[in-house]
Protein backbone atom coordinates (compact mmCIF):
# COMPACT_ATOMS: atom_id res chain seq x y z
CA MET A 1 133.57 106.19 91.90
CA GLU A 2 136.91 107.97 91.97
CA THR A 3 138.20 110.50 94.45
CA ARG A 4 140.34 113.57 93.82
CA LYS A 5 142.14 115.85 96.22
CA ILE A 6 141.47 119.58 96.04
CA GLN A 7 144.65 121.59 95.48
CA LYS A 8 145.26 125.26 96.11
CA VAL A 9 146.85 127.26 93.31
CA GLY A 10 147.98 130.80 94.00
CA GLY A 11 146.32 132.70 96.77
CA SER A 12 142.62 132.06 96.12
CA THR A 13 142.09 129.37 93.48
CA PHE A 14 141.23 125.73 94.14
CA THR A 15 141.73 123.08 91.47
CA VAL A 16 140.81 119.42 91.11
CA SER A 17 141.98 117.05 88.37
CA VAL A 18 139.64 115.12 86.09
CA PRO A 19 140.10 111.44 85.14
CA LYS A 20 142.27 111.04 82.05
CA GLU A 21 140.01 108.39 80.49
CA TRP A 22 136.98 110.68 80.80
CA ALA A 23 138.88 113.54 79.19
CA ARG A 24 139.95 111.31 76.30
CA ARG A 25 136.39 110.11 75.70
CA GLN A 26 135.29 113.74 75.57
CA GLY A 27 138.07 114.58 73.12
CA LEU A 28 139.58 117.10 75.52
CA GLU A 29 143.15 118.28 75.33
CA THR A 30 145.31 120.42 77.59
CA GLY A 31 144.14 124.02 77.52
CA GLU A 32 140.56 123.29 76.42
CA VAL A 33 137.63 124.87 78.22
CA VAL A 34 135.11 122.75 80.12
CA ARG A 35 131.74 123.84 81.46
CA LEU A 36 130.95 123.79 85.18
CA TYR A 37 127.40 123.69 86.54
CA THR A 38 126.74 124.25 90.24
CA HIS A 39 123.42 123.26 91.78
CA ARG A 40 121.31 123.99 94.80
CA ASP A 41 121.85 120.45 96.12
CA GLY A 42 125.61 121.08 96.37
CA SER A 43 126.65 119.10 93.30
CA LEU A 44 129.11 120.29 90.68
CA ILE A 45 128.76 119.01 87.10
CA VAL A 46 131.69 119.09 84.67
CA ARG A 47 130.92 118.80 80.95
CA GLY A 48 133.07 118.91 77.86
CA ARG A 49 132.05 120.55 74.59
CA GLN A 50 128.36 119.72 74.88
CA THR A 51 126.35 122.60 76.29
CA ASP A 52 123.69 122.07 78.92
CA GLY A 53 120.44 120.89 77.33
CA GLU A 54 121.79 121.07 73.79
CA SER A 55 120.14 117.77 72.84
CA LEU A 56 116.71 119.18 73.70
CA THR A 57 116.93 122.22 71.42
CA SER A 58 114.94 120.66 68.57
CA VAL A 59 113.61 117.41 67.17
CA SER A 60 112.35 116.48 63.71
CA LEU A 61 109.75 113.71 63.43
CA SER A 62 108.27 111.94 60.43
CA VAL A 63 104.52 111.28 60.59
CA THR A 64 103.62 108.28 58.45
CA GLU A 65 99.98 107.91 59.50
CA SER A 66 97.23 110.06 58.04
CA SER A 67 95.21 110.34 61.25
CA ALA A 68 94.90 113.43 63.43
CA ASP A 69 95.76 111.27 66.42
CA ALA A 70 99.22 110.58 64.94
CA VAL A 71 99.97 114.32 64.91
CA GLU A 72 98.64 114.77 68.45
CA ARG A 73 100.73 111.87 69.79
CA SER A 74 103.89 113.12 68.09
CA ILE A 75 103.58 116.66 69.42
CA GLN A 76 102.60 115.65 72.93
CA GLY A 77 105.31 112.98 73.13
CA ALA A 78 108.03 115.42 72.03
CA TYR A 79 106.65 118.10 74.38
CA GLU A 80 106.71 115.73 77.37
CA ALA A 81 110.24 114.61 76.43
CA GLY A 82 111.30 118.22 76.90
CA PHE A 83 112.09 119.46 73.38
CA GLU A 84 111.95 123.20 72.75
CA ARG A 85 111.18 123.09 69.04
CA ILE A 86 109.23 120.29 67.35
CA SER A 87 109.10 119.86 63.58
CA LEU A 88 106.79 117.33 61.94
CA HIS A 89 106.97 116.38 58.29
CA ALA A 90 104.96 114.02 56.10
CA ASP A 91 105.99 112.68 52.71
CA ASP A 92 102.39 112.67 51.50
CA GLY A 93 101.53 115.97 53.16
CA PHE A 94 99.27 116.77 56.11
CA THR A 95 95.50 116.81 55.86
CA ASP A 96 93.37 119.73 57.03
CA GLU A 97 92.27 117.58 59.96
CA GLN A 98 95.89 116.95 60.99
CA ARG A 99 96.74 120.65 60.83
CA ARG A 100 93.70 121.46 62.97
CA ALA A 101 94.80 118.78 65.42
CA ALA A 102 98.24 120.38 65.68
CA ARG A 103 96.70 123.75 66.53
CA THR A 104 94.40 122.11 69.08
CA VAL A 105 97.35 120.45 70.82
CA GLY A 106 99.27 123.71 70.70
CA ARG A 107 96.45 125.45 72.57
CA ARG A 108 96.09 122.60 75.06
CA LEU A 109 99.70 122.16 76.13
CA VAL A 110 101.08 124.79 78.49
CA GLY A 111 103.46 127.28 76.89
CA THR A 112 103.35 126.00 73.31
CA GLU A 113 102.73 127.78 70.02
CA VAL A 114 102.21 126.40 66.52
CA LEU A 115 104.51 128.49 64.35
CA ASP A 116 103.54 126.98 61.03
CA ALA A 117 101.22 124.27 59.75
CA ASP A 118 101.34 123.93 55.99
CA ALA A 119 100.94 121.10 53.51
CA ASP A 120 104.03 119.11 54.43
CA ARG A 121 105.46 120.65 57.61
CA ILE A 122 104.25 121.55 61.09
CA ASP A 123 106.48 123.56 63.45
CA VAL A 124 105.72 123.87 67.16
CA ARG A 125 107.68 125.81 69.77
CA ALA A 126 107.57 125.36 73.55
CA MET A 127 108.33 128.76 75.06
CA LEU A 128 107.65 128.20 78.77
CA ASP A 129 110.37 129.38 81.13
CA ALA A 130 111.00 126.81 83.87
CA SER A 131 111.54 129.58 86.42
CA ALA A 132 107.89 130.58 85.95
CA VAL A 133 106.62 127.04 86.68
CA SER A 134 105.57 125.73 90.09
CA ILE A 135 105.49 121.92 90.06
CA ARG A 136 103.85 121.81 93.46
CA GLN A 137 101.11 124.20 92.37
CA SER A 138 100.54 122.08 89.25
CA ILE A 139 100.05 119.01 91.46
CA ASP A 140 97.63 120.93 93.70
CA GLN A 141 95.65 122.14 90.67
CA ALA A 142 95.44 118.63 89.19
CA VAL A 143 94.12 117.22 92.47
CA SER A 144 91.60 120.06 92.71
CA VAL A 145 90.30 119.26 89.22
CA VAL A 146 90.04 115.52 90.00
CA SER A 147 88.20 116.31 93.25
CA THR A 148 85.72 118.40 91.28
CA MET A 149 85.24 115.55 88.80
CA GLN A 150 84.54 113.09 91.61
CA GLU A 151 82.18 115.51 93.31
CA THR A 152 80.23 115.82 90.06
CA VAL A 153 79.89 112.03 89.88
CA ARG A 154 78.70 111.98 93.49
CA GLU A 155 76.11 114.67 92.72
CA LYS A 156 74.81 112.58 89.83
CA LEU A 157 74.54 109.55 92.10
CA THR A 158 72.77 111.20 95.03
CA GLY A 159 70.70 113.77 93.15
CA ASP A 160 71.10 116.16 96.09
CA VAL A 161 72.01 119.04 93.80
CA GLU A 162 72.28 119.66 90.09
CA PRO A 163 75.67 118.42 88.76
CA THR A 164 78.14 121.27 88.23
CA GLY A 165 79.40 120.11 84.81
CA GLN A 166 80.47 117.26 82.59
CA VAL A 167 83.15 115.01 84.08
CA SER A 168 84.83 114.20 80.77
CA ASP A 169 85.30 117.91 79.97
CA ARG A 170 87.72 118.26 82.90
CA LEU A 171 90.01 115.40 81.90
CA THR A 172 91.87 117.66 79.47
CA ASP A 173 92.72 120.02 82.33
CA VAL A 174 94.35 117.16 84.23
CA THR A 175 96.28 115.79 81.27
CA ARG A 176 97.75 119.22 80.40
CA LEU A 177 99.00 119.68 83.98
CA VAL A 178 100.45 116.16 84.07
CA ALA A 179 102.12 116.73 80.69
CA LEU A 180 103.73 119.89 82.08
CA ILE A 181 105.14 118.00 85.07
CA ARG A 182 106.41 115.15 82.87
CA ARG A 183 108.09 117.67 80.58
CA HIS A 184 110.09 119.33 83.31
CA TYR A 185 110.97 116.05 84.99
CA ASN A 186 112.31 114.65 81.71
CA ARG A 187 114.18 117.87 81.00
CA SER A 188 115.79 117.69 84.44
CA LEU A 189 117.35 114.35 83.49
CA VAL A 190 119.19 116.01 80.59
CA THR A 191 119.41 119.72 81.34
CA PHE A 192 121.29 120.33 84.57
CA GLY A 193 120.00 123.86 84.98
CA GLU A 194 116.35 122.76 84.96
CA LEU A 195 116.26 121.88 88.66
CA ASP A 196 117.70 125.24 89.64
CA ALA A 197 115.23 127.06 87.41
CA LEU A 198 112.35 125.11 88.96
CA GLY A 199 113.72 125.67 92.46
CA ILE A 200 113.44 122.01 93.39
CA ASP A 201 115.72 119.05 94.10
CA ARG A 202 115.82 115.91 91.99
CA VAL A 203 114.21 113.48 94.47
CA PRO A 204 111.09 115.58 95.20
CA LEU A 205 110.66 116.24 91.48
CA SER A 206 110.77 112.48 90.84
CA GLN A 207 108.11 111.98 93.52
CA TYR A 208 105.92 114.67 91.97
CA ASP A 209 106.27 113.01 88.57
CA ARG A 210 105.17 109.63 89.97
CA THR A 211 102.28 111.29 91.79
CA ALA A 212 101.17 113.13 88.65
CA ASN A 213 101.05 109.87 86.69
CA ARG A 214 98.76 108.36 89.33
CA ILE A 215 96.55 111.45 89.39
CA GLU A 216 96.06 111.07 85.64
CA GLU A 217 95.08 107.41 86.18
CA ILE A 218 92.51 108.51 88.78
CA ALA A 219 91.07 111.14 86.44
CA THR A 220 90.73 108.61 83.62
CA ALA A 221 89.10 106.03 85.92
CA THR A 222 86.70 108.72 87.20
CA VAL A 223 85.57 109.50 83.64
CA ARG A 224 85.02 105.80 82.97
CA LEU A 225 83.14 105.45 86.26
CA ASP A 226 80.88 108.33 85.28
CA SER A 227 80.21 106.73 81.90
CA ALA A 228 79.44 103.34 83.47
CA ILE A 229 77.04 104.84 85.98
CA GLY A 230 75.27 106.88 83.32
CA GLY A 231 74.57 103.80 81.24
CA VAL A 232 72.68 101.77 83.86
CA SER A 233 69.78 102.03 86.25
CA LEU A 234 70.91 101.64 89.87
CA GLU A 235 68.92 101.16 93.03
CA ALA A 236 69.01 104.02 95.54
CA ALA A 237 71.02 101.91 97.98
CA ASP A 238 73.64 101.12 95.34
CA ARG A 239 73.90 104.77 94.39
CA GLN A 240 74.48 105.77 98.01
CA THR A 241 77.05 103.01 98.48
CA ILE A 242 79.06 104.12 95.45
CA ALA A 243 78.77 107.79 96.44
CA THR A 244 80.07 107.02 99.93
CA ARG A 245 82.96 105.03 98.54
CA LEU A 246 83.82 107.84 96.13
CA THR A 247 83.76 110.42 98.92
CA GLY A 248 86.25 108.31 100.90
CA LEU A 249 88.53 108.01 97.90
CA ARG A 250 88.38 111.73 97.28
CA SER A 251 89.42 112.52 100.86
CA ALA A 252 92.18 109.92 100.76
CA LEU A 253 93.55 111.41 97.53
CA GLU A 254 93.70 114.89 99.00
CA GLU A 255 95.45 113.68 102.17
CA ALA A 256 97.91 111.47 100.29
CA THR A 257 98.88 114.27 97.92
CA LYS A 258 99.28 116.70 100.82
CA LEU A 259 101.80 114.30 102.34
CA VAL A 260 103.73 114.17 99.05
CA VAL A 261 104.02 117.95 98.64
CA GLU A 262 104.45 118.87 102.30
CA GLY A 263 106.56 115.94 103.48
CA GLY A 264 107.51 116.38 107.12
CA ASN A 265 105.23 119.42 107.45
CA ALA A 266 102.08 117.40 106.72
CA PRO A 267 100.03 115.77 109.47
CA ALA A 268 101.06 112.17 110.05
CA MET A 269 98.98 109.58 108.25
CA SER A 270 98.26 106.16 109.64
CA VAL A 271 100.39 103.40 108.19
CA GLU A 272 97.75 100.82 109.09
CA PRO A 273 95.86 99.15 106.21
CA SER A 274 93.71 101.71 104.44
CA PRO A 275 90.19 102.11 105.85
CA LEU A 276 89.08 101.93 102.24
CA GLU A 277 89.69 98.19 102.43
CA ALA A 278 86.95 97.78 105.03
CA GLN A 279 84.76 100.19 103.10
CA ARG A 280 85.25 98.08 99.99
CA GLN A 281 83.96 94.97 101.76
CA SER A 282 81.03 96.70 103.45
CA ALA A 283 80.06 98.28 100.14
CA GLY A 284 79.21 94.90 98.74
CA GLU A 285 81.84 94.91 96.02
CA PRO A 286 81.51 91.90 93.69
CA GLN A 287 83.78 89.04 94.70
CA ASP A 288 83.11 86.57 91.88
CA ASP A 289 82.18 86.40 88.22
CA SER A 290 78.50 85.62 88.83
CA VAL A 291 77.43 89.20 89.50
CA ASP A 292 76.01 91.71 87.07
CA PRO A 293 78.90 92.64 84.71
CA VAL A 294 77.86 96.31 84.61
CA ARG A 295 77.92 96.56 88.41
CA ALA A 296 81.24 94.71 88.46
CA ARG A 297 82.65 97.23 85.98
CA ILE A 298 81.60 100.12 88.22
CA PHE A 299 83.41 98.62 91.20
CA ASP A 300 86.42 97.86 89.01
CA HIS A 301 86.76 101.59 88.24
CA LEU A 302 86.50 102.34 91.97
CA THR A 303 89.20 99.77 92.66
CA ARG A 304 91.49 101.35 90.07
CA ILE A 305 91.05 104.71 91.78
CA ASP A 306 91.73 103.06 95.15
CA ASP A 307 94.94 101.45 93.85
CA ALA A 308 96.22 104.75 92.45
CA VAL A 309 95.46 106.58 95.70
CA ARG A 310 97.36 103.92 97.64
CA ALA A 311 100.32 104.38 95.29
CA ILE A 312 100.31 108.12 96.04
CA GLU A 313 100.15 107.31 99.76
CA ARG A 314 103.34 105.25 99.39
CA VAL A 315 105.08 108.13 97.62
CA GLY A 316 103.93 110.42 100.44
CA LEU A 317 105.30 108.08 103.09
CA GLN A 318 108.66 108.06 101.29
CA SER A 319 108.60 111.85 101.21
CA ALA A 320 107.85 112.05 104.92
CA VAL A 321 110.48 109.47 105.87
CA ARG A 322 113.07 111.29 103.76
CA SER A 323 112.30 114.53 105.59
CA GLY A 324 112.74 112.79 108.95
CA GLN A 325 109.12 112.63 110.09
CA SER A 326 108.48 110.01 112.78
CA TRP A 327 105.65 107.50 112.69
């Protein structure tokens, strides 16, 4: 780190010098114009010729596989990286299935449009304005969807009421919200104006990104749990045990996420070992390899959800400590 003294020039102008080595690396000479970016966190960014976010304007990708999944991965990966225009090309041309996959992804991802999908080129544009995005609301929506998924699994287990829908159908809703959060977090690392447009500081955005990744893990594990339960016949006691465990996890997820998004304004959470640990033992979770593998797989999915919730709890504690909340 270097320091510079602020000088006053004339009656109302302040100046500060820039390091000579930095200027040389940027190819700057006396009299050239540099770009200044001020931010809500008080920082001032100085850049040379490169404009803010210029590297994210467009990307061109070659698709060498003939599968629809290859097109989906390419578009989603470039979208999450933060690119505004995505062009795919294939030497052997795109199949009808690949072009349909591109349009499907374009409808699924927030703020995207497939401009063209012909024999050898697919063009996608991401048009979403960051100022219209609420990262916190996206987190809240993702948690709400996951809670609904887990409630549906519980309904299937207890049979108290008719299940409200298919669990796997809601996974897409979670992944599109998580992709949106990843996109803006990655853009914020390159485009200095992104944070200001989002109305958020860098540290909270990083915490939201980490939380979103865990929420996606929980959603995926919930789908797998639902599939595992649907493929076996369970005793009533086992069904109730799993349902109770799932209810505890659902509540813990909601509380942990509330701590992440509200920080010091959220009710204090206990920093003692999670009560889910005791619940895990009392639930009769398999402890060795001699148990029924199907039952062990069910509890493995529950454990994965538990681990992800605990990770969100840790992020929430960091958020609260950063905001000055006492424990």
